[in-house]
Amino acid sequence: MGKTTFTYGYAALGVSLMLSGTAVANQQYVATPAQSSWKVAVDTPLECRMLHAIPNYGEAQFISRASKKINLDFELKMRRPMGETRNVSLVSMPPKWMPGDAAEPIAQITFFKQFDGYVGGQTAWSMLSELELGRYPTFSYQDWQQRNKLVEVGLSAVAFQTSYNQFSQCLDNLLPYSFEDIAFTVLHYDQDSEELNKASQQRLAQISDFVRYSDDVDLVLVATYTDSQGGKNTNQALSERRAKRLEDYFMQMGLPKDRIQVEAYGKRRPIADNSTPIGRNKNRRVVISLGRTIL
């Protein structure tokens, strides 16, 4: 077999595609140093998103969202989605000005038909690490239209560091919980009090932080309950005062009144035995449910 030469230092990527013993033509997509730009497009406690344009191909995106677990997703947004599922080699390549450095494999992945390319977990973190070192994470796959063509898509490390510093700071500021963690919450009151107990106040603060930064929470449902101590009318009035305080609380955060629904049930609908202190504590509660727009 004759020696096959791949331009831009991608020889390591061609091995898996030399299936017929013939040379493979390359179609390369990577920003030149003058074109290369990185931008943090979203920087909030709910989401961090960093973008990189790949001329004539699409856009690379690193995304992390508020969650109990540290997370990172990478998406390769293609202008023309792939017409067939393809196995893809992901390799860390040295830039042109480091010709003596070797290519380093990162992972073997799959890009699915009609979907953007996706990389998650530790592999996505590895891509960031390689970019920080000045190297080019590069995807290589067989073109689904021209089977004798190898498509190579690289992420340029030029002008990466400044945006990466901002992205890293954003990651540090992400809330340590997601929408799913606070979408349905039960909070509790001390006896005869309109104030939530201390633990519930902290939980309410978490809900308010999420709602404050989210632009898609479009409904807050508040349902308040009391225990059975005291008369029916007294408990109903207490339940209504609790509901009104929470309605005012969410309105002060900027939510319009028509997106807040409150209901005061008094001592109705107990969930525990009111004859015991533990049971009464469980019944002195408010249930807060959040609704959000699904795009």
C-alpha atoms as a PDB file:
ATOM      1  CA  MET A   1       0.000   0.000   0.000  1.00  0.00           C
ATOM      2  CA  GLY A   2       1.399   3.398  -0.943  1.00  0.00           C
ATOM      3  CA  LYS A   3       1.788   6.125   1.619  1.00  0.00           C
ATOM      4  CA  THR A   4      -1.174   8.499   1.815  1.00  0.00           C
ATOM      5  CA  THR A   5      -0.598  12.105   2.803  1.00  0.00           C
ATOM      6  CA  PHE A   6      -3.227  14.159   4.625  1.00  0.00           C
ATOM      7  CA  THR A   7      -2.924  17.923   4.732  1.00  0.00           C
ATOM      8  CA  TYR A   8      -3.105  20.034   7.933  1.00  0.00           C
ATOM      9  CA  GLY A   9      -1.594  17.252   9.991  1.00  0.00           C
ATOM     10  CA  TYR A  10      -4.602  14.888   9.965  1.00  0.00           C
ATOM     11  CA  ALA A  11      -2.797  11.670   8.983  1.00  0.00           C
ATOM     12  CA  ALA A  12      -3.940   9.908  12.155  1.00  0.00           C
ATOM     13  CA  LEU A  13      -7.556  10.384  11.145  1.00  0.00           C
ATOM     14  CA  GLY A  14      -7.248   8.729   7.769  1.00  0.00           C
ATOM     15  CA  VAL A  15      -6.358   5.239   8.980  1.00  0.00           C
ATOM     16  CA  SER A  16      -9.899   4.130   9.730  1.00  0.00           C
ATOM     17  CA  LEU A  17     -11.084   5.291   6.322  1.00  0.00           C
ATOM     18  CA  MET A  18      -8.445   3.657   4.140  1.00  0.00           C
ATOM     19  CA  LEU A  19     -10.835   0.769   3.632  1.00  0.00           C
ATOM     20  CA  SER A  20     -10.137   0.130  -0.002  1.00  0.00           C
ATOM     21  CA  GLY A  21      -6.413   0.825  -0.004  1.00  0.00           C
ATOM     22  CA  THR A  22      -6.954   4.009  -2.007  1.00  0.00           C
ATOM     23  CA  ALA A  23      -6.400   7.598  -0.984  1.00  0.00           C
ATOM     24  CA  VAL A  24      -9.249   9.505   0.623  1.00  0.00           C
ATOM     25  CA  ALA A  25      -9.919  13.113  -0.358  1.00  0.00           C
ATOM     26  CA  ASN A  26     -10.477  15.518   2.548  1.00  0.00           C
ATOM     27  CA  GLN A  27     -13.048  18.253   2.983  1.00  0.00           C
ATOM     28  CA  GLN A  28     -11.892  20.380   5.883  1.00  0.00           C
ATOM     29  CA  TYR A  29     -13.878  22.909   7.895  1.00  0.00           C
ATOM     30  CA  VAL A  30     -11.998  24.984  10.450  1.00  0.00           C
ATOM     31  CA  ALA A  31     -11.760  28.697  11.168  1.00  0.00           C
ATOM     32  CA  THR A  32      -8.548  30.385  10.114  1.00  0.00           C
ATOM     33  CA  PRO A  33      -6.741  32.368  12.834  1.00  0.00           C
ATOM     34  CA  ALA A  34      -8.279  35.552  11.436  1.00  0.00           C
ATOM     35  CA  GLN A  35     -11.777  34.018  11.432  1.00  0.00           C
ATOM     36  CA  SER A  36     -11.616  32.269  14.773  1.00  0.00           C
ATOM     37  CA  SER A  37     -13.886  33.687  17.449  1.00  0.00           C
ATOM     38  CA  TRP A  38     -15.434  32.403  20.657  1.00  0.00           C
ATOM     39  CA  LYS A  39     -18.360  34.019  22.449  1.00  0.00           C
ATOM     40  CA  VAL A  40     -20.198  33.376  25.690  1.00  0.00           C
ATOM     41  CA  ALA A  41     -23.781  33.835  24.504  1.00  0.00           C
ATOM     42  CA  VAL A  42     -25.533  32.896  27.766  1.00  0.00           C
ATOM     43  CA  ASP A  43     -24.129  33.715  31.194  1.00  0.00           C
ATOM     44  CA  THR A  44     -26.719  33.226  33.944  1.00  0.00           C
ATOM     45  CA  PRO A  45     -27.007  31.118  37.107  1.00  0.00           C
ATOM     46  CA  LEU A  46     -29.250  28.789  35.086  1.00  0.00           C
ATOM     47  CA  GLU A  47     -27.176  28.244  31.947  1.00  0.00           C
ATOM     48  CA  CYS A  48     -23.737  28.822  30.464  1.00  0.00           C
ATOM     49  CA  ARG A  49     -23.345  28.637  26.679  1.00  0.00           C
ATOM     50  CA  MET A  50     -20.177  29.279  24.653  1.00  0.00           C
ATOM     51  CA  LEU A  51     -20.265  29.457  20.852  1.00  0.00           C
ATOM     52  CA  HIS A  52     -17.686  29.045  18.096  1.00  0.00           C
ATOM     53  CA  ALA A  53     -18.472  29.606  14.418  1.00  0.00           C
ATOM     54  CA  ILE A  54     -17.091  27.087  11.915  1.00  0.00           C
ATOM     55  CA  PRO A  55     -17.127  28.775   8.483  1.00  0.00           C
ATOM     56  CA  ASN A  56     -19.252  27.070   5.820  1.00  0.00           C
ATOM     57  CA  TYR A  57     -20.213  24.302   8.232  1.00  0.00           C
ATOM     58  CA  GLY A  58     -22.098  25.497  11.287  1.00  0.00           C
ATOM     59  CA  GLU A  59     -21.476  26.270  14.925  1.00  0.00           C
ATOM     60  CA  ALA A  60     -19.938  24.571  17.950  1.00  0.00           C
ATOM     61  CA  GLN A  61     -21.634  25.020  21.332  1.00  0.00           C
ATOM     62  CA  PHE A  62     -20.546  24.114  24.851  1.00  0.00           C
ATOM     63  CA  ILE A  63     -23.494  24.145  27.262  1.00  0.00           C
ATOM     64  CA  SER A  64     -23.872  23.603  30.993  1.00  0.00           C
ATOM     65  CA  ARG A  65     -27.059  24.051  33.017  1.00  0.00           C
ATOM     66  CA  ALA A  66     -28.034  24.452  36.657  1.00  0.00           C
ATOM     67  CA  SER A  67     -28.142  21.023  38.260  1.00  0.00           C
ATOM     68  CA  LYS A  68     -27.233  19.028  41.347  1.00  0.00           C
ATOM     69  CA  LYS A  69     -24.492  17.405  39.266  1.00  0.00           C
ATOM     70  CA  ILE A  70     -21.679  19.061  37.329  1.00  0.00           C
ATOM     71  CA  ASN A  71     -22.537  18.695  33.649  1.00  0.00           C
ATOM     72  CA  LEU A  72     -21.313  19.726  30.218  1.00  0.00           C
ATOM     73  CA  ASP A  73     -22.760  19.119  26.753  1.00  0.00           C
ATOM     74  CA  PHE A  74     -21.237  19.834  23.379  1.00  0.00           C
ATOM     75  CA  GLU A  75     -23.322  20.235  20.233  1.00  0.00           C
ATOM     76  CA  LEU A  76     -22.062  20.571  16.693  1.00  0.00           C
ATOM     77  CA  LYS A  77     -24.812  22.520  14.936  1.00  0.00           C
ATOM     78  CA  MET A  78     -24.649  21.659  11.244  1.00  0.00           C
ATOM     79  CA  ARG A  79     -26.125  23.852   8.532  1.00  0.00           C
ATOM     80  CA  ARG A  80     -26.961  20.691   6.649  1.00  0.00           C
ATOM     81  CA  PRO A  81     -27.907  17.787   8.939  1.00  0.00           C
ATOM     82  CA  MET A  82     -26.335  14.442   8.088  1.00  0.00           C
ATOM     83  CA  GLY A  83     -28.393  12.233   5.805  1.00  0.00           C
ATOM     84  CA  GLU A  84     -27.021   9.018   7.299  1.00  0.00           C
ATOM     85  CA  THR A  85     -25.796   7.952  10.733  1.00  0.00           C
ATOM     86  CA  ARG A  86     -22.009   8.003  10.832  1.00  0.00           C
ATOM     87  CA  ASN A  87     -19.252   6.731  13.111  1.00  0.00           C
ATOM     88  CA  VAL A  88     -16.998   9.649  13.979  1.00  0.00           C
ATOM     89  CA  SER A  89     -13.405   9.900  15.196  1.00  0.00           C
ATOM     90  CA  LEU A  90     -12.702  12.719  17.650  1.00  0.00           C
ATOM     91  CA  VAL A  91      -9.010  13.575  17.791  1.00  0.00           C
ATOM     92  CA  SER A  92      -6.983  16.373  19.365  1.00  0.00           C
ATOM     93  CA  MET A  93      -4.835  17.899  16.643  1.00  0.00           C
ATOM     94  CA  PRO A  94      -1.917  20.312  16.917  1.00  0.00           C
ATOM     95  CA  PRO A  95      -2.327  23.578  14.998  1.00  0.00           C
ATOM     96  CA  LYS A  96      -0.263  24.233  11.869  1.00  0.00           C
ATOM     97  CA  TRP A  97       2.391  26.077  13.841  1.00  0.00           C
ATOM     98  CA  MET A  98       3.085  22.994  15.995  1.00  0.00           C
ATOM     99  CA  PRO A  99       3.977  20.505  13.240  1.00  0.00           C
ATOM    100  CA  GLY A 100       6.111  18.350  15.508  1.00  0.00           C
ATOM    101  CA  ASP A 101       3.293  17.569  17.935  1.00  0.00           C
ATOM    102  CA  ALA A 102       1.356  14.352  17.476  1.00  0.00           C
ATOM    103  CA  ALA A 103      -2.377  13.801  17.108  1.00  0.00           C
ATOM    104  CA  GLU A 104      -4.044  12.377  20.219  1.00  0.00           C
ATOM    105  CA  PRO A 105      -7.272  10.338  20.036  1.00  0.00           C
ATOM    106  CA  ILE A 106     -10.088  11.532  22.317  1.00  0.00           C
ATOM    107  CA  ALA A 107     -13.046   9.236  21.536  1.00  0.00           C
ATOM    108  CA  GLN A 108     -15.021   7.269  18.974  1.00  0.00           C
ATOM    109  CA  ILE A 109     -18.601   8.552  18.810  1.00  0.00           C
ATOM    110  CA  THR A 110     -21.689   8.445  16.583  1.00  0.00           C
ATOM    111  CA  PHE A 111     -23.500  11.271  14.799  1.00  0.00           C
ATOM    112  CA  PHE A 112     -27.080  10.298  14.079  1.00  0.00           C
ATOM    113  CA  LYS A 113     -29.054  10.959  10.919  1.00  0.00           C
ATOM    114  CA  GLN A 114     -30.825  14.343  10.863  1.00  0.00           C
ATOM    115  CA  PHE A 115     -29.492  15.320  14.302  1.00  0.00           C
ATOM    116  CA  ASP A 116     -26.770  17.723  15.368  1.00  0.00           C
ATOM    117  CA  GLY A 117     -23.558  16.106  16.526  1.00  0.00           C
ATOM    118  CA  TYR A 118     -23.551  15.569  20.285  1.00  0.00           C
ATOM    119  CA  VAL A 119     -20.794  14.910  22.805  1.00  0.00           C
ATOM    120  CA  GLY A 120     -21.423  14.778  26.553  1.00  0.00           C
ATOM    121  CA  GLY A 121     -19.844  14.073  29.892  1.00  0.00           C
ATOM    122  CA  GLN A 122     -16.144  13.568  30.330  1.00  0.00           C
ATOM    123  CA  THR A 123     -15.473  13.654  26.579  1.00  0.00           C
ATOM    124  CA  ALA A 124     -16.863  17.193  26.371  1.00  0.00           C
ATOM    125  CA  TRP A 125     -14.655  18.245  29.295  1.00  0.00           C
ATOM    126  CA  SER A 126     -11.673  16.710  27.495  1.00  0.00           C
ATOM    127  CA  MET A 127     -12.425  18.856  24.448  1.00  0.00           C
ATOM    128  CA  LEU A 128     -12.290  21.993  26.591  1.00  0.00           C
ATOM    129  CA  SER A 129      -8.999  20.860  28.112  1.00  0.00           C
ATOM    130  CA  GLU A 130      -7.446  20.335  24.673  1.00  0.00           C
ATOM    131  CA  LEU A 131      -8.602  23.773  23.515  1.00  0.00           C
ATOM    132  CA  GLU A 132      -7.059  25.330  26.616  1.00  0.00           C
ATOM    133  CA  LEU A 133      -3.771  23.683  25.626  1.00  0.00           C
ATOM    134  CA  GLY A 134      -3.980  25.354  22.211  1.00  0.00           C
ATOM    135  CA  ARG A 135      -4.968  22.183  20.351  1.00  0.00           C
ATOM    136  CA  TYR A 136      -7.815  21.602  17.905  1.00  0.00           C
ATOM    137  CA  PRO A 137     -10.475  18.981  18.768  1.00  0.00           C
ATOM    138  CA  THR A 138     -11.385  17.600  15.349  1.00  0.00           C
ATOM    139  CA  PHE A 139     -14.208  15.390  14.140  1.00  0.00           C
ATOM    140  CA  SER A 140     -13.599  13.100  11.182  1.00  0.00           C
ATOM    141  CA  TYR A 141     -16.215  11.044   9.352  1.00  0.00           C
ATOM    142  CA  GLN A 142     -17.035   9.662   5.943  1.00  0.00           C
ATOM    143  CA  ASP A 143     -19.226  12.005   3.912  1.00  0.00           C
ATOM    144  CA  TRP A 144     -22.709  10.538   3.587  1.00  0.00           C
ATOM    145  CA  GLN A 145     -23.064  11.874   0.023  1.00  0.00           C
ATOM    146  CA  GLN A 146     -19.586  11.165  -1.362  1.00  0.00           C
ATOM    147  CA  ARG A 147     -18.225   7.966   0.163  1.00  0.00           C
ATOM    148  CA  ASN A 148     -14.672   8.590  -1.042  1.00  0.00           C
ATOM    149  CA  LYS A 149     -14.507  11.868   0.887  1.00  0.00           C
ATOM    150  CA  LEU A 150     -13.382  12.327   4.463  1.00  0.00           C
ATOM    151  CA  VAL A 151     -14.986  15.286   6.238  1.00  0.00           C
ATOM    152  CA  GLU A 152     -12.908  16.921   8.965  1.00  0.00           C
ATOM    153  CA  VAL A 153     -14.389  19.552  11.259  1.00  0.00           C
ATOM    154  CA  GLY A 154     -12.017  21.310  13.640  1.00  0.00           C
ATOM    155  CA  LEU A 155     -12.468  23.688  16.564  1.00  0.00           C
ATOM    156  CA  SER A 156      -9.841  26.415  16.499  1.00  0.00           C
ATOM    157  CA  ALA A 157      -8.086  27.303  19.743  1.00  0.00           C
ATOM    158  CA  VAL A 158      -7.278  30.811  18.490  1.00  0.00           C
ATOM    159  CA  ALA A 159      -8.937  33.526  20.632  1.00  0.00           C
ATOM    160  CA  PHE A 160     -10.332  30.835  22.932  1.00  0.00           C
ATOM    161  CA  GLN A 161      -8.899  31.735  26.330  1.00  0.00           C
ATOM    162  CA  THR A 162     -10.744  34.986  27.104  1.00  0.00           C
ATOM    163  CA  SER A 163     -14.181  33.530  26.444  1.00  0.00           C
ATOM    164  CA  TYR A 164     -13.200  30.329  28.214  1.00  0.00           C
ATOM    165  CA  ASN A 165     -12.321  32.328  31.333  1.00  0.00           C
ATOM    166  CA  GLN A 166     -15.778  33.894  31.284  1.00  0.00           C
ATOM    167  CA  PHE A 167     -17.389  30.505  30.643  1.00  0.00           C
ATOM    168  CA  SER A 168     -15.491  28.984  33.573  1.00  0.00           C
ATOM    169  CA  GLN A 169     -16.670  31.773  35.858  1.00  0.00           C
ATOM    170  CA  CYS A 170     -20.228  31.156  34.694  1.00  0.00           C
ATOM    171  CA  LEU A 171     -19.863  27.459  35.528  1.00  0.00           C
ATOM    172  CA  ASP A 172     -18.795  28.399  39.047  1.00  0.00           C
ATOM    173  CA  ASN A 173     -21.956  30.502  39.458  1.00  0.00           C
ATOM    174  CA  LEU A 174     -24.501  27.935  38.261  1.00  0.00           C
ATOM    175  CA  LEU A 175     -27.239  27.132  40.764  1.00  0.00           C
ATOM    176  CA  PRO A 176     -26.705  23.671  42.304  1.00  0.00           C
ATOM    177  CA  TYR A 177     -30.239  22.509  41.427  1.00  0.00           C
ATOM    178  CA  SER A 178     -32.414  22.251  38.312  1.00  0.00           C
ATOM    179  CA  PHE A 179     -36.009  23.120  37.478  1.00  0.00           C
ATOM    180  CA  GLU A 180     -37.012  19.521  38.156  1.00  0.00           C
ATOM    181  CA  ASP A 181     -35.591  19.802  41.673  1.00  0.00           C
ATOM    182  CA  ILE A 182     -37.849  22.717  42.622  1.00  0.00           C
ATOM    183  CA  ALA A 183     -40.856  22.305  40.295  1.00  0.00           C
ATOM    184  CA  PHE A 184     -42.909  20.633  43.047  1.00  0.00           C
ATOM    185  CA  THR A 185     -42.047  21.671  46.585  1.00  0.00           C
ATOM    186  CA  VAL A 186     -43.729  21.195  49.953  1.00  0.00           C
ATOM    187  CA  LEU A 187     -42.828  23.762  52.616  1.00  0.00           C
ATOM    188  CA  HIS A 188     -43.887  23.940  56.253  1.00  0.00           C
ATOM    189  CA  TYR A 189     -44.964  26.443  58.913  1.00  0.00           C
ATOM    190  CA  ASP A 190     -44.568  26.655  62.655  1.00  0.00           C
ATOM    191  CA  GLN A 191     -47.831  26.438  64.587  1.00  0.00           C
ATOM    192  CA  ASP A 192     -50.187  29.448  64.124  1.00  0.00           C
ATOM    193  CA  SER A 193     -47.500  31.279  62.135  1.00  0.00           C
ATOM    194  CA  GLU A 194     -47.735  32.988  58.778  1.00  0.00           C
ATOM    195  CA  GLU A 195     -43.966  32.625  58.383  1.00  0.00           C
ATOM    196  CA  LEU A 196     -42.379  29.512  56.953  1.00  0.00           C
ATOM    197  CA  ASN A 197     -39.977  27.693  59.244  1.00  0.00           C
ATOM    198  CA  LYS A 198     -36.266  28.342  58.716  1.00  0.00           C
ATOM    199  CA  ALA A 199     -35.592  25.297  56.558  1.00  0.00           C
ATOM    200  CA  SER A 200     -38.561  26.135  54.339  1.00  0.00           C
ATOM    201  CA  GLN A 201     -37.458  29.764  54.044  1.00  0.00           C
ATOM    202  CA  GLN A 202     -34.147  28.547  52.626  1.00  0.00           C
ATOM    203  CA  ARG A 203     -35.976  26.311  50.178  1.00  0.00           C
ATOM    204  CA  LEU A 204     -38.235  29.187  49.109  1.00  0.00           C
ATOM    205  CA  ALA A 205     -35.119  31.279  48.468  1.00  0.00           C
ATOM    206  CA  GLN A 206     -33.895  28.578  46.068  1.00  0.00           C
ATOM    207  CA  ILE A 207     -37.221  28.659  44.226  1.00  0.00           C
ATOM    208  CA  SER A 208     -37.129  32.445  43.999  1.00  0.00           C
ATOM    209  CA  ASP A 209     -33.559  32.417  42.646  1.00  0.00           C
ATOM    210  CA  PHE A 210     -34.557  30.027  39.893  1.00  0.00           C
ATOM    211  CA  VAL A 211     -37.716  31.958  39.003  1.00  0.00           C
ATOM    212  CA  ARG A 212     -35.829  35.266  39.047  1.00  0.00           C
ATOM    213  CA  TYR A 213     -33.348  34.146  36.396  1.00  0.00           C
ATOM    214  CA  SER A 214     -35.697  32.005  34.307  1.00  0.00           C
ATOM    215  CA  ASP A 215     -37.626  33.475  31.408  1.00  0.00           C
ATOM    216  CA  ASP A 216     -39.842  30.441  30.820  1.00  0.00           C
ATOM    217  CA  VAL A 217     -41.534  29.883  34.204  1.00  0.00           C
ATOM    218  CA  ASP A 218     -45.032  30.994  33.285  1.00  0.00           C
ATOM    219  CA  LEU A 219     -47.149  29.690  36.167  1.00  0.00           C
ATOM    220  CA  VAL A 220     -46.798  29.410  39.939  1.00  0.00           C
ATOM    221  CA  LEU A 221     -49.438  27.418  41.815  1.00  0.00           C
ATOM    222  CA  VAL A 222     -49.658  27.963  45.589  1.00  0.00           C
ATOM    223  CA  ALA A 223     -51.861  25.800  47.833  1.00  0.00           C
ATOM    224  CA  THR A 224     -51.801  26.416  51.609  1.00  0.00           C
ATOM    225  CA  TYR A 225     -53.063  24.141  54.393  1.00  0.00           C
ATOM    226  CA  THR A 226     -53.278  24.202  58.195  1.00  0.00           C
ATOM    227  CA  ASP A 227     -53.520  21.543  60.859  1.00  0.00           C
ATOM    228  CA  SER A 228     -56.817  20.955  62.696  1.00  0.00           C
ATOM    229  CA  GLN A 229     -55.936  22.910  65.844  1.00  0.00           C
ATOM    230  CA  GLY A 230     -58.385  25.783  66.276  1.00  0.00           C
ATOM    231  CA  GLY A 231     -61.731  26.489  64.654  1.00  0.00           C
ATOM    232  CA  LYS A 232     -62.625  26.037  61.021  1.00  0.00           C
ATOM    233  CA  ASN A 233     -62.939  29.748  60.280  1.00  0.00           C
ATOM    234  CA  THR A 234     -59.724  30.575  62.134  1.00  0.00           C
ATOM    235  CA  ASN A 235     -57.778  27.981  60.161  1.00  0.00           C
ATOM    236  CA  GLN A 236     -59.277  29.117  56.872  1.00  0.00           C
ATOM    237  CA  ALA A 237     -58.333  32.729  57.583  1.00  0.00           C
ATOM    238  CA  LEU A 238     -54.772  31.683  58.520  1.00  0.00           C
ATOM    239  CA  SER A 239     -54.487  29.646  55.337  1.00  0.00           C
ATOM    240  CA  GLU A 240     -55.657  32.618  53.260  1.00  0.00           C
ATOM    241  CA  ARG A 241     -53.128  34.954  54.911  1.00  0.00           C
ATOM    242  CA  ARG A 242     -50.349  32.474  54.159  1.00  0.00           C
ATOM    243  CA  ALA A 243     -51.460  32.253  50.542  1.00  0.00           C
ATOM    244  CA  LYS A 244     -51.631  36.048  50.202  1.00  0.00           C
ATOM    245  CA  ARG A 245     -48.131  36.495  51.610  1.00  0.00           C
ATOM    246  CA  LEU A 246     -46.723  34.064  49.045  1.00  0.00           C
ATOM    247  CA  GLU A 247     -48.681  35.677  46.227  1.00  0.00           C
ATOM    248  CA  ASP A 248     -47.187  39.050  47.192  1.00  0.00           C
ATOM    249  CA  TYR A 249     -43.745  37.455  47.459  1.00  0.00           C
ATOM    250  CA  PHE A 250     -43.811  36.178  43.873  1.00  0.00           C
ATOM    251  CA  MET A 251     -45.313  39.423  42.579  1.00  0.00           C
ATOM    252  CA  GLN A 252     -42.435  41.344  44.170  1.00  0.00           C
ATOM    253  CA  MET A 253     -40.102  39.130  42.152  1.00  0.00           C
ATOM    254  CA  GLY A 254     -41.717  40.446  38.976  1.00  0.00           C
ATOM    255  CA  LEU A 255     -44.229  37.728  38.156  1.00  0.00           C
ATOM    256  CA  PRO A 256     -47.569  39.192  36.982  1.00  0.00           C
ATOM    257  CA  LYS A 257     -50.584  38.356  39.113  1.00  0.00           C
ATOM    258  CA  ASP A 258     -52.257  36.405  36.318  1.00  0.00           C
ATOM    259  CA  ARG A 259     -49.342  33.910  36.398  1.00  0.00           C
ATOM    260  CA  ILE A 260     -49.795  33.204  40.098  1.00  0.00           C
ATOM    261  CA  GLN A 261     -52.684  31.022  41.250  1.00  0.00           C
ATOM    262  CA  VAL A 262     -53.319  30.652  44.978  1.00  0.00           C
ATOM    263  CA  GLU A 263     -55.742  28.435  46.864  1.00  0.00           C
ATOM    264  CA  ALA A 264     -56.296  28.321  50.634  1.00  0.00           C
ATOM    265  CA  TYR A 265     -57.684  25.015  51.913  1.00  0.00           C
ATOM    266  CA  GLY A 266     -57.497  25.577  55.673  1.00  0.00           C
ATOM    267  CA  LYS A 267     -57.647  22.291  57.586  1.00  0.00           C
ATOM    268  CA  ARG A 268     -59.135  20.427  54.623  1.00  0.00           C
ATOM    269  CA  ARG A 269     -57.189  17.681  52.855  1.00  0.00           C
ATOM    270  CA  PRO A 270     -54.829  16.569  55.651  1.00  0.00           C
ATOM    271  CA  ILE A 271     -52.009  14.245  54.617  1.00  0.00           C
ATOM    272  CA  ALA A 272     -51.195  13.001  58.145  1.00  0.00           C
ATOM    273  CA  ASP A 273     -52.849  12.271  61.498  1.00  0.00           C
ATOM    274  CA  ASN A 274     -53.780  15.543  63.223  1.00  0.00           C
ATOM    275  CA  SER A 275     -53.856  13.832  66.612  1.00  0.00           C
ATOM    276  CA  THR A 276     -50.041  13.747  66.796  1.00  0.00           C
ATOM    277  CA  PRO A 277     -47.496  16.619  66.772  1.00  0.00           C
ATOM    278  CA  ILE A 278     -45.641  15.051  63.844  1.00  0.00           C
ATOM    279  CA  GLY A 279     -48.844  14.686  61.865  1.00  0.00           C
ATOM    280  CA  ARG A 280     -49.914  18.266  62.546  1.00  0.00           C
ATOM    281  CA  ASN A 281     -46.482  19.511  61.466  1.00  0.00           C
ATOM    282  CA  LYS A 282     -46.870  17.715  58.137  1.00  0.00           C
ATOM    283  CA  ASN A 283     -50.320  19.205  57.607  1.00  0.00           C
ATOM    284  CA  ARG A 284     -49.145  22.809  58.229  1.00  0.00           C
ATOM    285  CA  ARG A 285     -47.825  23.144  54.719  1.00  0.00           C
ATOM    286  CA  VAL A 286     -47.812  24.963  51.419  1.00  0.00           C
ATOM    287  CA  VAL A 287     -47.404  23.184  48.091  1.00  0.00           C
ATOM    288  CA  ILE A 288     -45.703  25.269  45.398  1.00  0.00           C
ATOM    289  CA  SER A 289     -45.809  23.985  41.809  1.00  0.00           C
ATOM    290  CA  LEU A 290     -44.077  25.655  38.892  1.00  0.00           C
ATOM    291  CA  GLY A 291     -45.073  25.476  35.248  1.00  0.00           C
ATOM    292  CA  ARG A 292     -42.806  26.375  32.366  1.00  0.00           C
ATOM    293  CA  THR A 293     -43.042  26.895  28.626  1.00  0.00           C
ATOM    294  CA  ILE A 294     -41.987  23.846  26.638  1.00  0.00           C
ATOM    295  CA  LEU A 295     -40.277  24.863  23.400  1.00  0.00           C
END
